[in-house]
């Protein structure tokens, strides 16, 4: 029987977009370094940024390293243009 894989469940705000190269690098690092898989879900409520849920069996030390390694890759894989909205500018 195969051991369960670690899973990174990433909830992405509905108004954010993916950066294909960043998403590829995130998947590569997660798979090669931690043997994990990425699952993406779109949020149904407003969020300020993506939320990462580390599911499955993660060793405590491995989880700490994964958060350190994957957080900047998550930030590079998704973006929002909400800051471009200029309210009240005519």
N, C-alpha and C. Protein backbone atom coordinates (compact mmCIF):
# COMPACT_ATOMS: atom_id res chain seq x y z
N UNK A 1 0.85 -1.18 0.00
CA UNK A 1 0.00 0.00 0.00
C UNK A 1 0.89 1.24 0.00
N UNK A 2 0.54 2.23 -0.81
CA UNK A 2 1.31 3.46 -0.88
C UNK A 2 1.02 4.37 0.30
N UNK A 3 2.07 5.06 0.76
CA UNK A 3 1.90 6.03 1.84
C UNK A 3 1.20 7.27 1.29
N UNK A 4 0.37 7.92 2.09
CA UNK A 4 -0.30 9.14 1.63
C UNK A 4 0.72 10.23 1.30
N UNK A 5 0.47 10.96 0.23
CA UNK A 5 1.34 12.06 -0.15
C UNK A 5 0.98 13.31 0.63
N UNK A 6 1.98 14.13 0.94
CA UNK A 6 1.66 15.44 1.49
C UNK A 6 0.93 16.25 0.43
N UNK A 7 -0.01 17.07 0.86
CA UNK A 7 -0.80 17.88 -0.05
C UNK A 7 -0.73 19.34 0.38
N UNK A 8 -0.55 20.22 -0.58
CA UNK A 8 -0.68 21.65 -0.33
C UNK A 8 -1.99 22.08 -0.98
N UNK A 9 -2.98 22.39 -0.15
CA UNK A 9 -4.26 22.90 -0.62
C UNK A 9 -4.15 24.42 -0.59
N UNK A 10 -4.24 25.03 -1.75
CA UNK A 10 -4.08 26.47 -1.85
C UNK A 10 -5.40 27.09 -2.28
N UNK A 11 -5.95 27.95 -1.40
CA UNK A 11 -7.19 28.65 -1.69
C UNK A 11 -6.81 30.03 -2.20
N UNK A 12 -7.16 30.29 -3.46
CA UNK A 12 -6.75 31.52 -4.14
C UNK A 12 -7.95 32.46 -4.24
N UNK A 13 -7.74 33.75 -3.94
CA UNK A 13 -8.85 34.71 -4.10
C UNK A 13 -9.38 34.69 -5.53
N UNK A 14 -10.69 34.86 -5.67
CA UNK A 14 -11.34 34.75 -6.98
C UNK A 14 -10.85 35.80 -7.97
N UNK A 15 -10.41 36.95 -7.50
CA UNK A 15 -9.99 38.01 -8.41
C UNK A 15 -8.48 38.01 -8.66
N UNK A 16 -7.78 36.97 -8.26
CA UNK A 16 -6.34 36.86 -8.51
C UNK A 16 -6.09 36.01 -9.75
N UNK A 17 -4.95 36.24 -10.36
CA UNK A 17 -4.57 35.49 -11.56
C UNK A 17 -3.29 34.71 -11.30
N UNK A 18 -3.08 33.67 -12.09
CA UNK A 18 -1.88 32.83 -11.94
C UNK A 18 -0.79 33.32 -12.89
N UNK A 19 0.44 33.15 -12.45
CA UNK A 19 1.63 33.36 -13.28
C UNK A 19 2.09 31.96 -13.67
N UNK A 20 1.94 31.56 -14.93
CA UNK A 20 2.23 30.17 -15.32
C UNK A 20 3.62 29.69 -14.91
N UNK A 21 4.65 30.51 -15.10
CA UNK A 21 6.01 30.10 -14.73
C UNK A 21 6.13 29.92 -13.21
N UNK A 22 5.49 30.79 -12.47
CA UNK A 22 5.52 30.69 -11.01
C UNK A 22 4.78 29.47 -10.51
N UNK A 23 3.66 29.16 -11.14
CA UNK A 23 2.88 27.98 -10.76
C UNK A 23 3.65 26.70 -11.08
N UNK A 24 4.34 26.68 -12.22
CA UNK A 24 5.17 25.53 -12.59
C UNK A 24 6.28 25.32 -11.56
N UNK A 25 6.93 26.40 -11.15
CA UNK A 25 8.01 26.31 -10.16
C UNK A 25 7.48 25.85 -8.80
N UNK A 26 6.31 26.31 -8.41
CA UNK A 26 5.69 25.89 -7.16
C UNK A 26 5.43 24.38 -7.19
N UNK A 27 4.84 23.90 -8.27
CA UNK A 27 4.56 22.46 -8.40
C UNK A 27 5.86 21.64 -8.40
N UNK A 28 6.87 22.14 -9.11
CA UNK A 28 8.15 21.44 -9.19
C UNK A 28 8.78 21.31 -7.80
N UNK A 29 8.86 22.40 -7.09
CA UNK A 29 9.48 22.38 -5.76
C UNK A 29 8.70 21.48 -4.81
N UNK A 30 7.38 21.61 -4.81
CA UNK A 30 6.55 20.78 -3.93
C UNK A 30 6.74 19.30 -4.22
N UNK A 31 6.76 18.94 -5.50
CA UNK A 31 6.89 17.54 -5.89
C UNK A 31 8.28 16.98 -5.68
N UNK A 32 9.29 17.70 -6.15
CA UNK A 32 10.66 17.18 -6.09
C UNK A 32 11.26 17.23 -4.68
N UNK A 33 11.00 18.29 -3.96
CA UNK A 33 11.61 18.45 -2.64
C UNK A 33 10.83 17.77 -1.52
N UNK A 34 9.49 17.70 -1.67
CA UNK A 34 8.68 17.19 -0.55
C UNK A 34 7.77 16.03 -0.94
N UNK A 35 7.79 15.61 -2.20
CA UNK A 35 6.94 14.50 -2.64
C UNK A 35 5.47 14.82 -2.54
N UNK A 36 5.14 16.11 -2.60
CA UNK A 36 3.76 16.53 -2.42
C UNK A 36 3.07 16.89 -3.72
N UNK A 37 1.78 17.10 -3.61
CA UNK A 37 0.96 17.51 -4.74
C UNK A 37 0.23 18.81 -4.38
N UNK A 38 -0.07 19.58 -5.42
CA UNK A 38 -0.75 20.85 -5.24
C UNK A 38 -2.21 20.71 -5.65
N UNK A 39 -3.10 21.20 -4.81
CA UNK A 39 -4.51 21.26 -5.13
C UNK A 39 -4.93 22.72 -5.01
N UNK A 40 -5.53 23.25 -6.08
CA UNK A 40 -5.96 24.65 -6.10
C UNK A 40 -7.47 24.73 -6.00
N UNK A 41 -7.93 25.70 -5.21
CA UNK A 41 -9.36 25.99 -5.10
C UNK A 41 -9.53 27.50 -5.15
N UNK A 42 -10.60 27.95 -5.80
CA UNK A 42 -10.91 29.36 -5.84
C UNK A 42 -11.79 29.70 -4.64
N UNK A 43 -11.47 30.79 -3.99
CA UNK A 43 -12.25 31.21 -2.82
C UNK A 43 -13.63 31.68 -3.26
N UNK A 44 -14.60 31.46 -2.40
CA UNK A 44 -15.96 31.93 -2.67
C UNK A 44 -16.28 33.19 -1.88
N UNK A 45 -15.40 33.56 -0.98
CA UNK A 45 -15.54 34.79 -0.21
C UNK A 45 -14.29 35.63 -0.43
N UNK A 46 -14.37 36.93 -0.21
CA UNK A 46 -13.21 37.78 -0.43
C UNK A 46 -12.02 37.40 0.47
N UNK A 47 -10.85 37.38 -0.13
CA UNK A 47 -9.60 37.12 0.60
C UNK A 47 -8.58 38.18 0.21
N UNK A 48 -7.66 38.46 1.11
CA UNK A 48 -6.61 39.42 0.81
C UNK A 48 -5.43 38.78 0.09
N UNK A 49 -5.25 37.48 0.28
CA UNK A 49 -4.15 36.77 -0.35
C UNK A 49 -4.46 35.27 -0.31
N UNK A 50 -3.69 34.46 -1.05
CA UNK A 50 -3.92 33.01 -1.01
C UNK A 50 -3.70 32.45 0.40
N UNK A 51 -4.43 31.40 0.71
CA UNK A 51 -4.30 30.72 2.00
C UNK A 51 -3.79 29.31 1.73
N UNK A 52 -2.69 28.96 2.37
CA UNK A 52 -2.08 27.63 2.19
C UNK A 52 -2.47 26.73 3.36
N UNK A 53 -2.97 25.55 3.02
CA UNK A 53 -3.29 24.51 4.01
C UNK A 53 -2.40 23.31 3.69
N UNK A 54 -1.57 22.94 4.63
CA UNK A 54 -0.69 21.78 4.46
C UNK A 54 -1.41 20.57 5.02
N UNK A 55 -1.89 19.71 4.13
CA UNK A 55 -2.72 18.57 4.51
C UNK A 55 -1.93 17.27 4.35
N UNK A 56 -2.40 16.24 4.99
CA UNK A 56 -1.75 14.94 4.89
C UNK A 56 -0.65 14.79 5.91
N UNK A 57 0.26 13.88 5.65
CA UNK A 57 1.32 13.57 6.60
C UNK A 57 2.57 14.39 6.29
N UNK A 58 2.84 15.37 7.12
CA UNK A 58 4.04 16.18 7.02
C UNK A 58 4.81 16.01 8.33
N UNK A 59 6.06 15.67 8.24
CA UNK A 59 6.93 15.66 9.41
C UNK A 59 7.05 17.10 9.89
N UNK A 60 7.14 17.31 11.18
CA UNK A 60 7.17 18.67 11.74
C UNK A 60 8.33 19.50 11.18
N UNK A 61 9.52 18.93 11.12
CA UNK A 61 10.68 19.66 10.58
C UNK A 61 10.51 19.89 9.09
N UNK A 62 9.98 18.90 8.39
CA UNK A 62 9.76 19.03 6.96
C UNK A 62 8.72 20.12 6.67
N UNK A 63 7.69 20.20 7.49
CA UNK A 63 6.66 21.22 7.31
C UNK A 63 7.25 22.62 7.48
N UNK A 64 8.11 22.78 8.45
CA UNK A 64 8.76 24.07 8.68
C UNK A 64 9.59 24.47 7.45
N UNK A 65 10.36 23.52 6.91
CA UNK A 65 11.16 23.79 5.71
C UNK A 65 10.27 24.06 4.49
N UNK A 66 9.19 23.31 4.37
CA UNK A 66 8.28 23.49 3.24
C UNK A 66 7.66 24.88 3.26
N UNK A 67 7.23 25.32 4.42
CA UNK A 67 6.66 26.67 4.52
C UNK A 67 7.69 27.72 4.13
N UNK A 68 8.92 27.53 4.56
CA UNK A 68 9.99 28.47 4.22
C UNK A 68 10.24 28.48 2.72
N UNK A 69 10.27 27.30 2.11
CA UNK A 69 10.57 27.19 0.68
C UNK A 69 9.38 27.56 -0.22
N UNK A 70 8.18 27.19 0.19
CA UNK A 70 7.03 27.34 -0.69
C UNK A 70 6.34 28.70 -0.60
N UNK A 71 6.43 29.37 0.54
CA UNK A 71 5.75 30.66 0.69
C UNK A 71 6.18 31.67 -0.37
N UNK A 72 7.49 31.87 -0.62
CA UNK A 72 7.84 32.82 -1.69
C UNK A 72 7.41 32.34 -3.07
N UNK A 73 7.34 31.04 -3.27
CA UNK A 73 6.90 30.51 -4.56
C UNK A 73 5.39 30.71 -4.75
N UNK A 74 4.64 30.61 -3.66
CA UNK A 74 3.20 30.90 -3.72
C UNK A 74 3.01 32.37 -4.08
N UNK A 75 3.78 33.24 -3.45
CA UNK A 75 3.69 34.68 -3.73
C UNK A 75 4.05 35.00 -5.17
N UNK A 76 4.96 34.23 -5.75
CA UNK A 76 5.37 34.46 -7.14
C UNK A 76 4.42 33.81 -8.15
N UNK A 77 3.55 32.92 -7.70
CA UNK A 77 2.68 32.18 -8.61
C UNK A 77 1.33 32.85 -8.85
N UNK A 78 0.97 33.81 -8.01
CA UNK A 78 -0.34 34.45 -8.12
C UNK A 78 -0.21 35.95 -7.88
N UNK A 79 -1.10 36.71 -8.53
CA UNK A 79 -1.06 38.16 -8.33
C UNK A 79 -2.47 38.74 -8.44
N UNK A 80 -2.59 39.95 -7.92
CA UNK A 80 -3.83 40.70 -7.99
C UNK A 80 -3.54 42.08 -8.55
N UNK A 81 -4.44 42.57 -9.35
CA UNK A 81 -4.32 43.93 -9.87
C UNK A 81 -5.25 44.89 -9.15
N UNK A 82 -5.70 44.51 -7.97
CA UNK A 82 -6.63 45.34 -7.20
C UNK A 82 -6.02 46.70 -6.87
N UNK A 83 -4.72 46.77 -6.72
CA UNK A 83 -4.07 48.04 -6.39
C UNK A 83 -4.18 49.04 -7.53
N UNK A 84 -4.53 48.57 -8.75
CA UNK A 84 -4.69 49.48 -9.88
C UNK A 84 -6.00 50.25 -9.85
N UNK A 85 -6.94 49.78 -9.06
CA UNK A 85 -8.22 50.45 -8.99
C UNK A 85 -8.03 51.79 -8.29
N UNK A 86 -8.26 52.82 -9.03
CA UNK A 86 -8.08 54.17 -8.50
C UNK A 86 -9.45 54.77 -8.22
N UNK A 87 -9.88 54.64 -6.98
CA UNK A 87 -11.20 55.14 -6.61
C UNK A 87 -11.15 56.67 -6.46
N UNK A 88 -12.12 57.32 -7.05
CA UNK A 88 -12.24 58.76 -6.90
C UNK A 88 -11.29 59.57 -7.78
N UNK A 89 -10.58 58.95 -8.67
CA UNK A 89 -9.68 59.67 -9.56
C UNK A 89 -10.42 59.97 -10.84
N UNK A 90 -10.43 61.25 -11.25
CA UNK A 90 -11.12 61.59 -12.49
C UNK A 90 -10.19 62.13 -13.53
